[in-house]
ModelCIF file with pLDDT and N, C-alpha, C, O atoms, coordinates in Angstrom:
data_MODEL
#
_entry.id   MODEL 
#
_entity.id                         1 
_entity.type                       polymer 
_entity.pdbx_number_of_molecules   1 
#
_entity_poly.entity_id                      1 
_entity_poly.type                           'polypeptide(L)' 
_entity_poly.nstd_linkage                   no 
_entity_poly.nstd_monomer                   no 
_entity_poly.pdbx_seq_one_letter_code       FSFRNSLVADAYMRLCTEFNKWEWDFKKEMYTWVTTAETRISNFGTVA 
_entity_poly.pdbx_seq_one_letter_code_can   FSFRNSLVADAYMRLCTEFNKWEWDFKKEMYTWVTTAETRISNFGTVA 
_entity_poly.pdbx_strand_id                 A 
#
loop_
_entity_poly_seq.entity_id 
_entity_poly_seq.num 
_entity_poly_seq.mon_id 
_entity_poly_seq.hetero 
1 1  PHE n 
1 2  SER n 
1 3  PHE n 
1 4  ARG n 
1 5  ASN n 
1 6  SER n 
1 7  LEU n 
1 8  VAL n 
1 9  ALA n 
1 10 ASP n 
1 11 ALA n 
1 12 TYR n 
1 13 MET n 
1 14 ARG n 
1 15 LEU n 
1 16 CYS n 
1 17 THR n 
1 18 GLU n 
1 19 PHE n 
1 20 ASN n 
1 21 LYS n 
1 22 TRP n 
1 23 GLU n 
1 24 TRP n 
1 25 ASP n 
1 26 PHE n 
1 27 LYS n 
1 28 LYS n 
1 29 GLU n 
1 30 MET n 
1 31 TYR n 
1 32 THR n 
1 33 TRP n 
1 34 VAL n 
1 35 THR n 
1 36 THR n 
1 37 ALA n 
1 38 GLU n 
1 39 THR n 
1 40 ARG n 
1 41 ILE n 
1 42 SER n 
1 43 ASN n 
1 44 PHE n 
1 45 GLY n 
1 46 THR n 
1 47 VAL n 
1 48 ALA n 
#
_struct_asym.id          A 
_struct_asym.entity_id   1 
#
loop_
_ma_qa_metric.id 
_ma_qa_metric.mode 
_ma_qa_metric.name 
_ma_qa_metric.software_group_id 
_ma_qa_metric.type 
1 global pLDDT . pLDDT 
2 local  pLDDT . pLDDT 
#
_ma_qa_metric_global.metric_id      1 
_ma_qa_metric_global.metric_value   82.54 
_ma_qa_metric_global.model_id       1 
_ma_qa_metric_global.ordinal_id     1 
#
loop_
_ma_qa_metric_local.label_asym_id 
_ma_qa_metric_local.label_comp_id 
_ma_qa_metric_local.label_seq_id 
_ma_qa_metric_local.metric_id 
_ma_qa_metric_local.metric_value 
_ma_qa_metric_local.model_id 
_ma_qa_metric_local.ordinal_id 
A PHE 1  2 61.00 1 1  
A SER 2  2 61.00 1 2  
A PHE 3  2 61.00 1 3  
A ARG 4  2 67.00 1 4  
A ASN 5  2 71.00 1 5  
A SER 6  2 75.00 1 6  
A LEU 7  2 77.00 1 7  
A VAL 8  2 76.00 1 8  
A ALA 9  2 76.00 1 9  
A ASP 10 2 80.00 1 10 
A ALA 11 2 83.00 1 11 
A TYR 12 2 82.00 1 12 
A MET 13 2 84.00 1 13 
A ARG 14 2 89.00 1 14 
A LEU 15 2 88.00 1 15 
A CYS 16 2 86.00 1 16 
A THR 17 2 90.00 1 17 
A GLU 18 2 90.00 1 18 
A PHE 19 2 88.00 1 19 
A ASN 20 2 89.00 1 20 
A LYS 21 2 91.00 1 21 
A TRP 22 2 89.00 1 22 
A GLU 23 2 88.00 1 23 
A TRP 24 2 90.00 1 24 
A ASP 25 2 91.00 1 25 
A PHE 26 2 90.00 1 26 
A LYS 27 2 90.00 1 27 
A LYS 28 2 92.00 1 28 
A GLU 29 2 91.00 1 29 
A MET 30 2 90.00 1 30 
A TYR 31 2 93.00 1 31 
A THR 32 2 92.00 1 32 
A TRP 33 2 90.00 1 33 
A VAL 34 2 92.00 1 34 
A THR 35 2 92.00 1 35 
A THR 36 2 91.00 1 36 
A ALA 37 2 89.00 1 37 
A GLU 38 2 89.00 1 38 
A THR 39 2 88.00 1 39 
A ARG 40 2 83.00 1 40 
A ILE 41 2 84.00 1 41 
A SER 42 2 85.00 1 42 
A ASN 43 2 81.00 1 43 
A PHE 44 2 78.00 1 44 
A GLY 45 2 72.00 1 45 
A THR 46 2 72.00 1 46 
A VAL 47 2 59.00 1 47 
A ALA 48 2 56.00 1 48 
#
loop_
_atom_site.group_PDB 
_atom_site.id 
_atom_site.type_symbol 
_atom_site.label_atom_id 
_atom_site.label_alt_id 
_atom_site.label_comp_id 
_atom_site.label_asym_id 
_atom_site.label_entity_id 
_atom_site.label_seq_id 
_atom_site.pdbx_PDB_ins_code 
_atom_site.Cartn_x 
_atom_site.Cartn_y 
_atom_site.Cartn_z 
_atom_site.occupancy 
_atom_site.B_iso_or_equiv 
_atom_site.pdbx_formal_charge 
_atom_site.auth_seq_id 
_atom_site.auth_comp_id 
_atom_site.auth_asym_id 
_atom_site.auth_atom_id 
_atom_site.pdbx_PDB_model_num 
ATOM 1   N N  . PHE A 1 1  ? 0.854   -1.177  0.000  1.00 61.00 ? 1  PHE A N  1 
ATOM 2   C CA . PHE A 1 1  ? 0.000   0.000   0.000  1.00 61.00 ? 1  PHE A CA 1 
ATOM 3   C C  . PHE A 1 1  ? 0.891   1.228   0.000  1.00 61.00 ? 1  PHE A C  1 
ATOM 4   O O  . PHE A 1 1  ? 1.877   1.294   0.735  1.00 61.00 ? 1  PHE A O  1 
ATOM 5   N N  . SER A 1 2  ? 0.541   2.190   -0.822 1.00 61.00 ? 2  SER A N  1 
ATOM 6   C CA . SER A 1 2  ? 1.326   3.414   -0.900 1.00 61.00 ? 2  SER A CA 1 
ATOM 7   C C  . SER A 1 2  ? 0.424   4.599   -0.570 1.00 61.00 ? 2  SER A C  1 
ATOM 8   O O  . SER A 1 2  ? -0.571  4.841   -1.253 1.00 61.00 ? 2  SER A O  1 
ATOM 9   N N  . PHE A 1 3  ? 0.777   5.331   0.478  1.00 61.00 ? 3  PHE A N  1 
ATOM 10  C CA . PHE A 1 3  ? 0.004   6.495   0.875  1.00 61.00 ? 3  PHE A CA 1 
ATOM 11  C C  . PHE A 1 3  ? 0.915   7.715   0.808  1.00 61.00 ? 3  PHE A C  1 
ATOM 12  O O  . PHE A 1 3  ? 1.974   7.739   1.436  1.00 61.00 ? 3  PHE A O  1 
ATOM 13  N N  . ARG A 1 4  ? 0.509   8.717   0.056  1.00 67.00 ? 4  ARG A N  1 
ATOM 14  C CA . ARG A 1 4  ? 1.329   9.921   -0.094 1.00 67.00 ? 4  ARG A CA 1 
ATOM 15  C C  . ARG A 1 4  ? 1.278   10.792  1.161  1.00 67.00 ? 4  ARG A C  1 
ATOM 16  O O  . ARG A 1 4  ? 2.248   11.481  1.476  1.00 67.00 ? 4  ARG A O  1 
ATOM 17  N N  . ASN A 1 5  ? 0.170   10.766  1.867  1.00 71.00 ? 5  ASN A N  1 
ATOM 18  C CA . ASN A 1 5  ? 0.076   11.570  3.079  1.00 71.00 ? 5  ASN A CA 1 
ATOM 19  C C  . ASN A 1 5  ? -1.000  10.997  3.991  1.00 71.00 ? 5  ASN A C  1 
ATOM 20  O O  . ASN A 1 5  ? -1.650  10.005  3.660  1.00 71.00 ? 5  ASN A O  1 
ATOM 21  N N  . SER A 1 6  ? -1.174  11.621  5.118  1.00 75.00 ? 6  SER A N  1 
ATOM 22  C CA . SER A 1 6  ? -2.135  11.105  6.099  1.00 75.00 ? 6  SER A CA 1 
ATOM 23  C C  . SER A 1 6  ? -3.577  11.233  5.608  1.00 75.00 ? 6  SER A C  1 
ATOM 24  O O  . SER A 1 6  ? -4.432  10.453  6.027  1.00 75.00 ? 6  SER A O  1 
ATOM 25  N N  . LEU A 1 7  ? -3.870  12.196  4.733  1.00 77.00 ? 7  LEU A N  1 
ATOM 26  C CA . LEU A 1 7  ? -5.225  12.332  4.195  1.00 77.00 ? 7  LEU A CA 1 
ATOM 27  C C  . LEU A 1 7  ? -5.606  11.125  3.348  1.00 77.00 ? 7  LEU A C  1 
ATOM 28  O O  . LEU A 1 7  ? -6.735  10.639  3.421  1.00 77.00 ? 7  LEU A O  1 
ATOM 29  N N  . VAL A 1 8  ? -4.663  10.642  2.545  1.00 76.00 ? 8  VAL A N  1 
ATOM 30  C CA . VAL A 1 8  ? -4.912  9.465   1.710  1.00 76.00 ? 8  VAL A CA 1 
ATOM 31  C C  . VAL A 1 8  ? -5.107  8.238   2.593  1.00 76.00 ? 8  VAL A C  1 
ATOM 32  O O  . VAL A 1 8  ? -6.002  7.429   2.349  1.00 76.00 ? 8  VAL A O  1 
ATOM 33  N N  . ALA A 1 9  ? -4.276  8.099   3.612  1.00 76.00 ? 9  ALA A N  1 
ATOM 34  C CA . ALA A 1 9  ? -4.400  6.965   4.527  1.00 76.00 ? 9  ALA A CA 1 
ATOM 35  C C  . ALA A 1 9  ? -5.730  7.021   5.259  1.00 76.00 ? 9  ALA A C  1 
ATOM 36  O O  . ALA A 1 9  ? -6.378  5.991   5.448  1.00 76.00 ? 9  ALA A O  1 
ATOM 37  N N  . ASP A 1 10 ? -6.147  8.216   5.675  1.00 80.00 ? 10 ASP A N  1 
ATOM 38  C CA . ASP A 1 10 ? -7.423  8.370   6.364  1.00 80.00 ? 10 ASP A CA 1 
ATOM 39  C C  . ASP A 1 10 ? -8.588  8.031   5.431  1.00 80.00 ? 10 ASP A C  1 
ATOM 40  O O  . ASP A 1 10 ? -9.542  7.366   5.836  1.00 80.00 ? 10 ASP A O  1 
ATOM 41  N N  . ALA A 1 11 ? -8.505  8.487   4.191  1.00 83.00 ? 11 ALA A N  1 
ATOM 42  C CA . ALA A 1 11 ? -9.561  8.185   3.216  1.00 83.00 ? 11 ALA A CA 1 
ATOM 43  C C  . ALA A 1 11 ? -9.645  6.679   2.978  1.00 83.00 ? 11 ALA A C  1 
ATOM 44  O O  . ALA A 1 11 ? -10.739 6.124   2.889  1.00 83.00 ? 11 ALA A O  1 
ATOM 45  N N  . TYR A 1 12 ? -8.497  6.023   2.873  1.00 82.00 ? 12 TYR A N  1 
ATOM 46  C CA . TYR A 1 12 ? -8.477  4.573   2.681  1.00 82.00 ? 12 TYR A CA 1 
ATOM 47  C C  . TYR A 1 12 ? -9.101  3.859   3.879  1.00 82.00 ? 12 TYR A C  1 
ATOM 48  O O  . TYR A 1 12 ? -9.862  2.906   3.709  1.00 82.00 ? 12 TYR A O  1 
ATOM 49  N N  . MET A 1 13 ? -8.783  4.317   5.082  1.00 84.00 ? 13 MET A N  1 
ATOM 50  C CA . MET A 1 13 ? -9.330  3.705   6.287  1.00 84.00 ? 13 MET A CA 1 
ATOM 51  C C  . MET A 1 13 ? -10.854 3.888   6.331  1.00 84.00 ? 13 MET A C  1 
ATOM 52  O O  . MET A 1 13 ? -11.575 2.957   6.690  1.00 84.00 ? 13 MET A O  1 
ATOM 53  N N  . ARG A 1 14 ? -11.345 5.073   5.970  1.00 89.00 ? 14 ARG A N  1 
ATOM 54  C CA . ARG A 1 14 ? -12.788 5.308   5.959  1.00 89.00 ? 14 ARG A CA 1 
ATOM 55  C C  . ARG A 1 14 ? -13.474 4.469   4.890  1.00 89.00 ? 14 ARG A C  1 
ATOM 56  O O  . ARG A 1 14 ? -14.581 3.972   5.100  1.00 89.00 ? 14 ARG A O  1 
ATOM 57  N N  . LEU A 1 15 ? -12.812 4.311   3.734  1.00 88.00 ? 15 LEU A N  1 
ATOM 58  C CA . LEU A 1 15 ? -13.364 3.476   2.673  1.00 88.00 ? 15 LEU A CA 1 
ATOM 59  C C  . LEU A 1 15 ? -13.472 2.015   3.132  1.00 88.00 ? 15 LEU A C  1 
ATOM 60  O O  . LEU A 1 15 ? -14.473 1.350   2.865  1.00 88.00 ? 15 LEU A O  1 
ATOM 61  N N  . CYS A 1 16 ? -12.449 1.525   3.814  1.00 86.00 ? 16 CYS A N  1 
ATOM 62  C CA . CYS A 1 16 ? -12.476 0.149   4.341  1.00 86.00 ? 16 CYS A CA 1 
ATOM 63  C C  . CYS A 1 16 ? -13.607 -0.015  5.351  1.00 86.00 ? 16 CYS A C  1 
ATOM 64  O O  . CYS A 1 16 ? -14.303 -1.030  5.346  1.00 86.00 ? 16 CYS A O  1 
ATOM 65  N N  . THR A 1 17 ? -13.789 0.972   6.208  1.00 90.00 ? 17 THR A N  1 
ATOM 66  C CA . THR A 1 17 ? -14.874 0.922   7.196  1.00 90.00 ? 17 THR A CA 1 
ATOM 67  C C  . THR A 1 17 ? -16.221 0.891   6.501  1.00 90.00 ? 17 THR A C  1 
ATOM 68  O O  . THR A 1 17 ? -17.097 0.110   6.872  1.00 90.00 ? 17 THR A O  1 
ATOM 69  N N  . GLU A 1 18 ? -16.391 1.732   5.498  1.00 90.00 ? 18 GLU A N  1 
ATOM 70  C CA . GLU A 1 18 ? -17.659 1.780   4.755  1.00 90.00 ? 18 GLU A CA 1 
ATOM 71  C C  . GLU A 1 18 ? -17.894 0.468   4.017  1.00 90.00 ? 18 GLU A C  1 
ATOM 72  O O  . GLU A 1 18 ? -19.012 -0.048  3.998  1.00 90.00 ? 18 GLU A O  1 
ATOM 73  N N  . PHE A 1 19 ? -16.845 -0.067  3.413  1.00 88.00 ? 19 PHE A N  1 
ATOM 74  C CA . PHE A 1 19 ? -16.979 -1.342  2.698  1.00 88.00 ? 19 PHE A CA 1 
ATOM 75  C C  . PHE A 1 19 ? -17.394 -2.455  3.654  1.00 88.00 ? 19 PHE A C  1 
ATOM 76  O O  . PHE A 1 19 ? -18.228 -3.290  3.302  1.00 88.00 ? 19 PHE A O  1 
ATOM 77  N N  . ASN A 1 20 ? -16.823 -2.478  4.859  1.00 89.00 ? 20 ASN A N  1 
ATOM 78  C CA . ASN A 1 20 ? -17.203 -3.491  5.852  1.00 89.00 ? 20 ASN A CA 1 
ATOM 79  C C  . ASN A 1 20 ? -18.676 -3.363  6.237  1.00 89.00 ? 20 ASN A C  1 
ATOM 80  O O  . ASN A 1 20 ? -19.354 -4.368  6.452  1.00 89.00 ? 20 ASN A O  1 
ATOM 81  N N  . LYS A 1 21 ? -19.170 -2.121  6.325  1.00 91.00 ? 21 LYS A N  1 
ATOM 82  C CA . LYS A 1 21 ? -20.600 -1.919  6.612  1.00 91.00 ? 21 LYS A CA 1 
ATOM 83  C C  . LYS A 1 21 ? -21.454 -2.484  5.478  1.00 91.00 ? 21 LYS A C  1 
ATOM 84  O O  . LYS A 1 21 ? -22.449 -3.164  5.728  1.00 91.00 ? 21 LYS A O  1 
ATOM 85  N N  . TRP A 1 22 ? -21.064 -2.202  4.221  1.00 89.00 ? 22 TRP A N  1 
ATOM 86  C CA . TRP A 1 22 ? -21.818 -2.702  3.075  1.00 89.00 ? 22 TRP A CA 1 
ATOM 87  C C  . TRP A 1 22 ? -21.818 -4.233  3.064  1.00 89.00 ? 22 TRP A C  1 
ATOM 88  O O  . TRP A 1 22 ? -22.841 -4.874  2.822  1.00 89.00 ? 22 TRP A O  1 
ATOM 89  N N  . GLU A 1 23 ? -20.648 -4.789  3.332  1.00 88.00 ? 23 GLU A N  1 
ATOM 90  C CA . GLU A 1 23 ? -20.529 -6.251  3.344  1.00 88.00 ? 23 GLU A CA 1 
ATOM 91  C C  . GLU A 1 23 ? -21.417 -6.851  4.439  1.00 88.00 ? 23 GLU A C  1 
ATOM 92  O O  . GLU A 1 23 ? -22.081 -7.864  4.218  1.00 88.00 ? 23 GLU A O  1 
ATOM 93  N N  . TRP A 1 24 ? -21.426 -6.229  5.610  1.00 90.00 ? 24 TRP A N  1 
ATOM 94  C CA . TRP A 1 24 ? -22.252 -6.721  6.711  1.00 90.00 ? 24 TRP A CA 1 
ATOM 95  C C  . TRP A 1 24 ? -23.733 -6.628  6.366  1.00 90.00 ? 24 TRP A C  1 
ATOM 96  O O  . TRP A 1 24 ? -24.490 -7.563  6.627  1.00 90.00 ? 24 TRP A O  1 
ATOM 97  N N  . ASP A 1 25 ? -24.154 -5.504  5.781  1.00 91.00 ? 25 ASP A N  1 
ATOM 98  C CA . ASP A 1 25 ? -25.554 -5.348  5.373  1.00 91.00 ? 25 ASP A CA 1 
ATOM 99  C C  . ASP A 1 25 ? -25.941 -6.415  4.351  1.00 91.00 ? 25 ASP A C  1 
ATOM 100 O O  . ASP A 1 25 ? -27.027 -6.991  4.425  1.00 91.00 ? 25 ASP A O  1 
ATOM 101 N N  . PHE A 1 26 ? -25.047 -6.673  3.397  1.00 90.00 ? 26 PHE A N  1 
ATOM 102 C CA . PHE A 1 26 ? -25.307 -7.698  2.383  1.00 90.00 ? 26 PHE A CA 1 
ATOM 103 C C  . PHE A 1 26 ? -25.473 -9.072  3.032  1.00 90.00 ? 26 PHE A C  1 
ATOM 104 O O  . PHE A 1 26 ? -26.424 -9.793  2.731  1.00 90.00 ? 26 PHE A O  1 
ATOM 105 N N  . LYS A 1 27 ? -24.544 -9.432  3.923  1.00 90.00 ? 27 LYS A N  1 
ATOM 106 C CA . LYS A 1 27 ? -24.615 -10.729 4.595  1.00 90.00 ? 27 LYS A CA 1 
ATOM 107 C C  . LYS A 1 27 ? -25.887 -10.845 5.436  1.00 90.00 ? 27 LYS A C  1 
ATOM 108 O O  . LYS A 1 27 ? -26.529 -11.894 5.464  1.00 90.00 ? 27 LYS A O  1 
ATOM 109 N N  . LYS A 1 28 ? -26.241 -9.755  6.118  1.00 92.00 ? 28 LYS A N  1 
ATOM 110 C CA . LYS A 1 28 ? -27.429 -9.767  6.972  1.00 92.00 ? 28 LYS A CA 1 
ATOM 111 C C  . LYS A 1 28 ? -28.696 -9.977  6.137  1.00 92.00 ? 28 LYS A C  1 
ATOM 112 O O  . LYS A 1 28 ? -29.551 -10.790 6.490  1.00 92.00 ? 28 LYS A O  1 
ATOM 113 N N  . GLU A 1 29 ? -28.810 -9.235  5.024  1.00 91.00 ? 29 GLU A N  1 
ATOM 114 C CA . GLU A 1 29 ? -29.992 -9.379  4.175  1.00 91.00 ? 29 GLU A CA 1 
ATOM 115 C C  . GLU A 1 29 ? -30.073 -10.770 3.558  1.00 91.00 ? 29 GLU A C  1 
ATOM 116 O O  . GLU A 1 29 ? -31.156 -11.349 3.475  1.00 91.00 ? 29 GLU A O  1 
ATOM 117 N N  . MET A 1 30 ? -28.931 -11.310 3.124  1.00 90.00 ? 30 MET A N  1 
ATOM 118 C CA . MET A 1 30 ? -28.935 -12.658 2.545  1.00 90.00 ? 30 MET A CA 1 
ATOM 119 C C  . MET A 1 30 ? -29.257 -13.705 3.610  1.00 90.00 ? 30 MET A C  1 
ATOM 120 O O  . MET A 1 30 ? -29.974 -14.665 3.328  1.00 90.00 ? 30 MET A O  1 
ATOM 121 N N  . TYR A 1 31 ? -28.747 -13.538 4.807  1.00 93.00 ? 31 TYR A N  1 
ATOM 122 C CA . TYR A 1 31 ? -29.040 -14.481 5.888  1.00 93.00 ? 31 TYR A CA 1 
ATOM 123 C C  . TYR A 1 31 ? -30.539 -14.467 6.197  1.00 93.00 ? 31 TYR A C  1 
ATOM 124 O O  . TYR A 1 31 ? -31.146 -15.518 6.405  1.00 93.00 ? 31 TYR A O  1 
ATOM 125 N N  . THR A 1 32 ? -31.123 -13.283 6.225  1.00 92.00 ? 32 THR A N  1 
ATOM 126 C CA . THR A 1 32 ? -32.565 -13.164 6.476  1.00 92.00 ? 32 THR A CA 1 
ATOM 127 C C  . THR A 1 32 ? -33.351 -13.872 5.380  1.00 92.00 ? 32 THR A C  1 
ATOM 128 O O  . THR A 1 32 ? -34.297 -14.606 5.665  1.00 92.00 ? 32 THR A O  1 
ATOM 129 N N  . TRP A 1 33 ? -32.959 -13.651 4.124  1.00 90.00 ? 33 TRP A N  1 
ATOM 130 C CA . TRP A 1 33 ? -33.662 -14.294 3.016  1.00 90.00 ? 33 TRP A CA 1 
ATOM 131 C C  . TRP A 1 33 ? -33.522 -15.815 3.094  1.00 90.00 ? 33 TRP A C  1 
ATOM 132 O O  . TRP A 1 33 ? -34.506 -16.537 2.929  1.00 90.00 ? 33 TRP A O  1 
ATOM 133 N N  . VAL A 1 34 ? -32.303 -16.305 3.344  1.00 92.00 ? 34 VAL A N  1 
ATOM 134 C CA . VAL A 1 34 ? -32.070 -17.750 3.428  1.00 92.00 ? 34 VAL A CA 1 
ATOM 135 C C  . VAL A 1 34 ? -32.881 -18.361 4.560  1.00 92.00 ? 34 VAL A C  1 
ATOM 136 O O  . VAL A 1 34 ? -33.449 -19.441 4.396  1.00 92.00 ? 34 VAL A O  1 
ATOM 137 N N  . THR A 1 35 ? -32.945 -17.695 5.696  1.00 92.00 ? 35 THR A N  1 
ATOM 138 C CA . THR A 1 35 ? -33.727 -18.199 6.829  1.00 92.00 ? 35 THR A CA 1 
ATOM 139 C C  . THR A 1 35 ? -35.205 -18.298 6.458  1.00 92.00 ? 35 THR A C  1 
ATOM 140 O O  . THR A 1 35 ? -35.866 -19.286 6.778  1.00 92.00 ? 35 THR A O  1 
ATOM 141 N N  . THR A 1 36 ? -35.717 -17.277 5.786  1.00 91.00 ? 36 THR A N  1 
ATOM 142 C CA . THR A 1 36 ? -37.110 -17.297 5.344  1.00 91.00 ? 36 THR A CA 1 
ATOM 143 C C  . THR A 1 36 ? -37.342 -18.439 4.348  1.00 91.00 ? 36 THR A C  1 
ATOM 144 O O  . THR A 1 36 ? -38.348 -19.145 4.427  1.00 91.00 ? 36 THR A O  1 
ATOM 145 N N  . ALA A 1 37 ? -36.405 -18.613 3.414  1.00 89.00 ? 37 ALA A N  1 
ATOM 146 C CA . ALA A 1 37 ? -36.534 -19.686 2.425  1.00 89.00 ? 37 ALA A CA 1 
ATOM 147 C C  . ALA A 1 37 ? -36.507 -21.058 3.097  1.00 89.00 ? 37 ALA A C  1 
ATOM 148 O O  . ALA A 1 37 ? -37.282 -21.943 2.735  1.00 89.00 ? 37 ALA A O  1 
ATOM 149 N N  . GLU A 1 38 ? -35.617 -21.235 4.074  1.00 89.00 ? 38 GLU A N  1 
ATOM 150 C CA . GLU A 1 38 ? -35.565 -22.510 4.806  1.00 89.00 ? 38 GLU A CA 1 
ATOM 151 C C  . GLU A 1 38 ? -36.877 -22.782 5.533  1.00 89.00 ? 38 GLU A C  1 
ATOM 152 O O  . GLU A 1 38 ? -37.343 -23.921 5.573  1.00 89.00 ? 38 GLU A O  1 
ATOM 153 N N  . THR A 1 39 ? -37.467 -21.749 6.103  1.00 88.00 ? 39 THR A N  1 
ATOM 154 C CA . THR A 1 39 ? -38.748 -21.899 6.788  1.00 88.00 ? 39 THR A CA 1 
ATOM 155 C C  . THR A 1 39 ? -39.833 -22.313 5.796  1.00 88.00 ? 39 THR A C  1 
ATOM 156 O O  . THR A 1 39 ? -40.647 -23.189 6.089  1.00 88.00 ? 39 THR A O  1 
ATOM 157 N N  . ARG A 1 40 ? -39.842 -21.682 4.626  1.00 83.00 ? 40 ARG A N  1 
ATOM 158 C CA . ARG A 1 40 ? -40.833 -22.044 3.605  1.00 83.00 ? 40 ARG A CA 1 
ATOM 159 C C  . ARG A 1 40 ? -40.657 -23.478 3.140  1.00 83.00 ? 40 ARG A C  1 
ATOM 160 O O  . ARG A 1 40 ? -41.640 -24.183 2.914  1.00 83.00 ? 40 ARG A O  1 
ATOM 161 N N  . ILE A 1 41 ? -39.411 -23.917 2.996  1.00 84.00 ? 41 ILE A N  1 
ATOM 162 C CA . ILE A 1 41 ? -39.156 -25.298 2.590  1.00 84.00 ? 41 ILE A CA 1 
ATOM 163 C C  . ILE A 1 41 ? -39.586 -26.262 3.701  1.00 84.00 ? 41 ILE A C  1 
ATOM 164 O O  . ILE A 1 41 ? -40.189 -27.301 3.432  1.00 84.00 ? 41 ILE A O  1 
ATOM 165 N N  . SER A 1 42 ? -39.275 -25.910 4.937  1.00 85.00 ? 42 SER A N  1 
ATOM 166 C CA . SER A 1 42 ? -39.662 -26.759 6.071  1.00 85.00 ? 42 SER A CA 1 
ATOM 167 C C  . SER A 1 42 ? -41.171 -26.879 6.199  1.00 85.00 ? 42 SER A C  1 
ATOM 168 O O  . SER A 1 42 ? -41.683 -27.931 6.582  1.00 85.00 ? 42 SER A O  1 
ATOM 169 N N  . ASN A 1 43 ? -41.883 -25.808 5.879  1.00 81.00 ? 43 ASN A N  1 
ATOM 170 C CA . ASN A 1 43 ? -43.340 -25.796 6.000  1.00 81.00 ? 43 ASN A CA 1 
ATOM 171 C C  . ASN A 1 43 ? -44.045 -26.383 4.776  1.00 81.00 ? 43 ASN A C  1 
ATOM 172 O O  . ASN A 1 43 ? -45.271 -26.491 4.751  1.00 81.00 ? 43 ASN A O  1 
ATOM 173 N N  . PHE A 1 44 ? -43.267 -26.759 3.771  1.00 78.00 ? 44 PHE A N  1 
ATOM 174 C CA . PHE A 1 44 ? -43.875 -27.303 2.550  1.00 78.00 ? 44 PHE A CA 1 
ATOM 175 C C  . PHE A 1 44 ? -44.668 -28.572 2.885  1.00 78.00 ? 44 PHE A C  1 
ATOM 176 O O  . PHE A 1 44 ? -44.173 -29.479 3.555  1.00 78.00 ? 44 PHE A O  1 
ATOM 177 N N  . GLY A 1 45 ? -45.898 -28.605 2.403  1.00 72.00 ? 45 GLY A N  1 
ATOM 178 C CA . GLY A 1 45 ? -46.736 -29.774 2.620  1.00 72.00 ? 45 GLY A CA 1 
ATOM 179 C C  . GLY A 1 45 ? -47.623 -29.695 3.834  1.00 72.00 ? 45 GLY A C  1 
ATOM 180 O O  . GLY A 1 45 ? -48.473 -30.563 4.029  1.00 72.00 ? 45 GLY A O  1 
ATOM 181 N N  . THR A 1 46 ? -47.452 -28.676 4.661  1.00 72.00 ? 46 THR A N  1 
ATOM 182 C CA . THR A 1 46 ? -48.338 -28.542 5.818  1.00 72.00 ? 46 THR A CA 1 
ATOM 183 C C  . THR A 1 46 ? -49.694 -28.034 5.347  1.00 72.00 ? 46 THR A C  1 
ATOM 184 O O  . THR A 1 46 ? -49.828 -27.532 4.231  1.00 72.00 ? 46 THR A O  1 
ATOM 185 N N  . VAL A 1 47 ? -50.668 -28.165 6.183  1.00 59.00 ? 47 VAL A N  1 
ATOM 186 C CA . VAL A 1 47 ? -52.044 -27.791 5.837  1.00 59.00 ? 47 VAL A CA 1 
ATOM 187 C C  . VAL A 1 47 ? -52.141 -26.308 5.483  1.00 59.00 ? 47 VAL A C  1 
ATOM 188 O O  . VAL A 1 47 ? -52.838 -25.944 4.536  1.00 59.00 ? 47 VAL A O  1 
ATOM 189 N N  . ALA A 1 48 ? -51.460 -25.463 6.223  1.00 56.00 ? 48 ALA A N  1 
ATOM 190 C CA . ALA A 1 48 ? -51.548 -24.013 6.007  1.00 56.00 ? 48 ALA A CA 1 
ATOM 191 C C  . ALA A 1 48 ? -50.963 -23.596 4.665  1.00 56.00 ? 48 ALA A C  1 
ATOM 192 O O  . ALA A 1 48 ? -50.961 -22.410 4.334  1.00 56.00 ? 48 ALA A O  1 
#
C-alpha cells in the first residue's frame, strides 16, 4: 500500500470501514432471506 500523506491513509481507512458496513448489510440481508426460504421449505406440505 502506498500512501502519499495522512489524508490518503485516512480516506483509505474510511473506505475500508464503509466497505465493511456494506458487506455486513449484504450478509445480513442474505441471511434473512435464506432463513425465510428454509422456513418455507420446512413448511412445505403442511395444511396451512
